[in-house]
Amino acid sequence: MGLAYFLVALFGAAIAVFAIQNNSTVVIRFLAWRLESALSLLILLSVLLGVVLTAMLGIVRHWRLRSRIRQLENELARVAASAPQSVGHEPHF
C-alpha cells in the first residue's frame, strides 16, 4: 500500500512540475468563444476530458454487454425449463 501512495505522490509532483514549467498564457478561440488561460491548465483539462469521454464509452460498452448477458441468461433459463426432465436416469460417462 505504501508503494501506491508513493506512486500517486510521484505522479502528483510530476503534474505540479509540469504546471509550473508551462505557465505561459495562451488564447483559445472556438466560434464565438475566447478563452485565455495557462497552457498547463488547458493541457491538463484536455487530458481530463479525454479520460472522461473514454470512461463514458467504456461504461456504455459495459452496459450493453451486461444487457446481453441478462438476455442470454433468461433464454437459457427458458430453454432449461422447457426441456424434458429425465427421472431416475444416471448420466453415462
C-alpha atoms as a PDB file:
ATOM      1  CA  MET A   1       0.000   0.000   0.000  1.00  0.00           C
ATOM      2  CA  GLY A   2       2.929   2.308   0.686  1.00  0.00           C
ATOM      3  CA  LEU A   3       4.121   1.862  -2.886  1.00  0.00           C
ATOM      4  CA  ALA A   4       0.750   3.009  -4.215  1.00  0.00           C
ATOM      5  CA  TYR A   5       0.912   6.184  -2.112  1.00  0.00           C
ATOM      6  CA  PHE A   6       4.449   6.798  -3.287  1.00  0.00           C
ATOM      7  CA  LEU A   7       3.455   6.424  -6.936  1.00  0.00           C
ATOM      8  CA  VAL A   8       0.467   8.755  -6.502  1.00  0.00           C
ATOM      9  CA  ALA A   9       2.699  11.332  -4.799  1.00  0.00           C
ATOM     10  CA  LEU A  10       5.281  10.997  -7.561  1.00  0.00           C
ATOM     11  CA  PHE A  11       2.609  11.448 -10.225  1.00  0.00           C
ATOM     12  CA  GLY A  12       1.211  14.486  -8.394  1.00  0.00           C
ATOM     13  CA  ALA A  13       4.686  16.001  -8.160  1.00  0.00           C
ATOM     14  CA  ALA A  14       5.201  15.450 -11.894  1.00  0.00           C
ATOM     15  CA  ILE A  15       1.917  17.244 -12.612  1.00  0.00           C
ATOM     16  CA  ALA A  16       2.948  20.133 -10.345  1.00  0.00           C
ATOM     17  CA  VAL A  17       6.316  20.471 -12.094  1.00  0.00           C
ATOM     18  CA  PHE A  18       4.550  20.348 -15.476  1.00  0.00           C
ATOM     19  CA  ALA A  19       2.160  23.114 -14.392  1.00  0.00           C
ATOM     20  CA  ILE A  20       4.997  25.317 -13.075  1.00  0.00           C
ATOM     21  CA  GLN A  21       7.089  24.927 -16.213  1.00  0.00           C
ATOM     22  CA  ASN A  22       4.182  25.592 -18.608  1.00  0.00           C
ATOM     23  CA  ASN A  23       2.510  28.598 -17.016  1.00  0.00           C
ATOM     24  CA  SER A  24       2.544  30.897 -20.054  1.00  0.00           C
ATOM     25  CA  THR A  25      -0.807  32.319 -21.075  1.00  0.00           C
ATOM     26  CA  VAL A  26      -2.417  31.177 -24.308  1.00  0.00           C
ATOM     27  CA  VAL A  27      -5.598  32.246 -26.082  1.00  0.00           C
ATOM     28  CA  ILE A  28      -8.001  29.626 -27.409  1.00  0.00           C
ATOM     29  CA  ARG A  29     -10.724  30.652 -29.840  1.00  0.00           C
ATOM     30  CA  PHE A  30     -13.651  28.499 -30.908  1.00  0.00           C
ATOM     31  CA  LEU A  31     -16.510  30.037 -32.885  1.00  0.00           C
ATOM     32  CA  ALA A  32     -17.641  32.994 -30.758  1.00  0.00           C
ATOM     33  CA  TRP A  33     -15.846  31.867 -27.595  1.00  0.00           C
ATOM     34  CA  ARG A  34     -12.484  33.141 -26.456  1.00  0.00           C
ATOM     35  CA  LEU A  35     -10.598  31.601 -23.559  1.00  0.00           C
ATOM     36  CA  GLU A  36      -7.356  32.909 -22.106  1.00  0.00           C
ATOM     37  CA  SER A  37      -5.658  30.589 -19.645  1.00  0.00           C
ATOM     38  CA  ALA A  38      -2.381  28.972 -18.640  1.00  0.00           C
ATOM     39  CA  LEU A  39      -1.079  26.428 -21.131  1.00  0.00           C
ATOM     40  CA  SER A  40      -0.639  23.751 -18.464  1.00  0.00           C
ATOM     41  CA  LEU A  41      -4.221  24.166 -17.274  1.00  0.00           C
ATOM     42  CA  LEU A  42      -5.590  23.778 -20.790  1.00  0.00           C
ATOM     43  CA  ILE A  43      -3.472  20.684 -21.442  1.00  0.00           C
ATOM     44  CA  LEU A  44      -4.485  19.064 -18.154  1.00  0.00           C
ATOM     45  CA  LEU A  45      -8.164  19.857 -18.770  1.00  0.00           C
ATOM     46  CA  SER A  46      -7.881  18.351 -22.260  1.00  0.00           C
ATOM     47  CA  VAL A  47      -6.397  15.174 -20.798  1.00  0.00           C
ATOM     48  CA  LEU A  48      -9.141  15.050 -18.165  1.00  0.00           C
ATOM     49  CA  LEU A  49     -11.814  15.483 -20.840  1.00  0.00           C
ATOM     50  CA  GLY A  50     -10.255  12.631 -22.838  1.00  0.00           C
ATOM     51  CA  VAL A  51     -10.276  10.377 -19.779  1.00  0.00           C
ATOM     52  CA  VAL A  52     -13.926  11.195 -19.050  1.00  0.00           C
ATOM     53  CA  LEU A  53     -15.023  10.577 -22.651  1.00  0.00           C
ATOM     54  CA  THR A  54     -13.117   7.296 -22.801  1.00  0.00           C
ATOM     55  CA  ALA A  55     -14.666   6.186 -19.496  1.00  0.00           C
ATOM     56  CA  MET A  56     -18.127   7.036 -20.808  1.00  0.00           C
ATOM     57  CA  LEU A  57     -17.545   4.866 -23.875  1.00  0.00           C
ATOM     58  CA  GLY A  58     -16.386   2.042 -21.614  1.00  0.00           C
ATOM     59  CA  ILE A  59     -19.472   2.391 -19.440  1.00  0.00           C
ATOM     60  CA  VAL A  60     -21.756   2.221 -22.481  1.00  0.00           C
ATOM     61  CA  ARG A  61     -19.973  -0.910 -23.728  1.00  0.00           C
ATOM     62  CA  HIS A  62     -20.163  -2.470 -20.252  1.00  0.00           C
ATOM     63  CA  TRP A  63     -23.893  -1.706 -20.040  1.00  0.00           C
ATOM     64  CA  ARG A  64     -24.526  -3.312 -23.455  1.00  0.00           C
ATOM     65  CA  LEU A  65     -22.564  -6.438 -22.516  1.00  0.00           C
ATOM     66  CA  ARG A  66     -24.420  -6.791 -19.196  1.00  0.00           C
ATOM     67  CA  SER A  67     -27.721  -6.408 -21.026  1.00  0.00           C
ATOM     68  CA  ARG A  68     -26.707  -9.144 -23.477  1.00  0.00           C
ATOM     69  CA  ILE A  69     -25.658 -11.416 -20.597  1.00  0.00           C
ATOM     70  CA  ARG A  70     -29.046 -10.941 -18.909  1.00  0.00           C
ATOM     71  CA  GLN A  71     -30.798 -11.699 -22.189  1.00  0.00           C
ATOM     72  CA  LEU A  72     -28.798 -14.906 -22.685  1.00  0.00           C
ATOM     73  CA  GLU A  73     -29.329 -15.994 -19.053  1.00  0.00           C
ATOM     74  CA  ASN A  74     -33.092 -15.528 -19.446  1.00  0.00           C
ATOM     75  CA  GLU A  75     -33.047 -17.519 -22.681  1.00  0.00           C
ATOM     76  CA  LEU A  76     -31.017 -20.296 -21.031  1.00  0.00           C
ATOM     77  CA  ALA A  77     -33.451 -20.439 -18.103  1.00  0.00           C
ATOM     78  CA  ARG A  78     -36.388 -20.623 -20.530  1.00  0.00           C
ATOM     79  CA  VAL A  79     -34.780 -23.458 -22.515  1.00  0.00           C
ATOM     80  CA  ALA A  80     -33.860 -25.333 -19.331  1.00  0.00           C
ATOM     81  CA  ALA A  81     -37.412 -25.002 -18.028  1.00  0.00           C
ATOM     82  CA  SER A  82     -38.937 -26.323 -21.269  1.00  0.00           C
ATOM     83  CA  ALA A  83     -36.513 -29.268 -21.612  1.00  0.00           C
ATOM     84  CA  PRO A  84     -37.913 -32.641 -20.532  1.00  0.00           C
ATOM     85  CA  GLN A  85     -36.595 -33.800 -17.199  1.00  0.00           C
ATOM     86  CA  SER A  86     -35.120 -37.286 -17.110  1.00  0.00           C
ATOM     87  CA  VAL A  87     -36.131 -39.023 -13.904  1.00  0.00           C
ATOM     88  CA  GLY A  88     -34.117 -41.861 -12.448  1.00  0.00           C
ATOM     89  CA  HIS A  89     -31.501 -41.979 -15.184  1.00  0.00           C
ATOM     90  CA  GLU A  90     -27.887 -41.533 -14.361  1.00  0.00           C
ATOM     91  CA  PRO A  91     -25.528 -40.000 -16.902  1.00  0.00           C
ATOM     92  CA  HIS A  92     -23.273 -42.364 -18.817  1.00  0.00           C
ATOM     93  CA  PHE A  93     -19.604 -41.415 -18.943  1.00  0.00           C
END
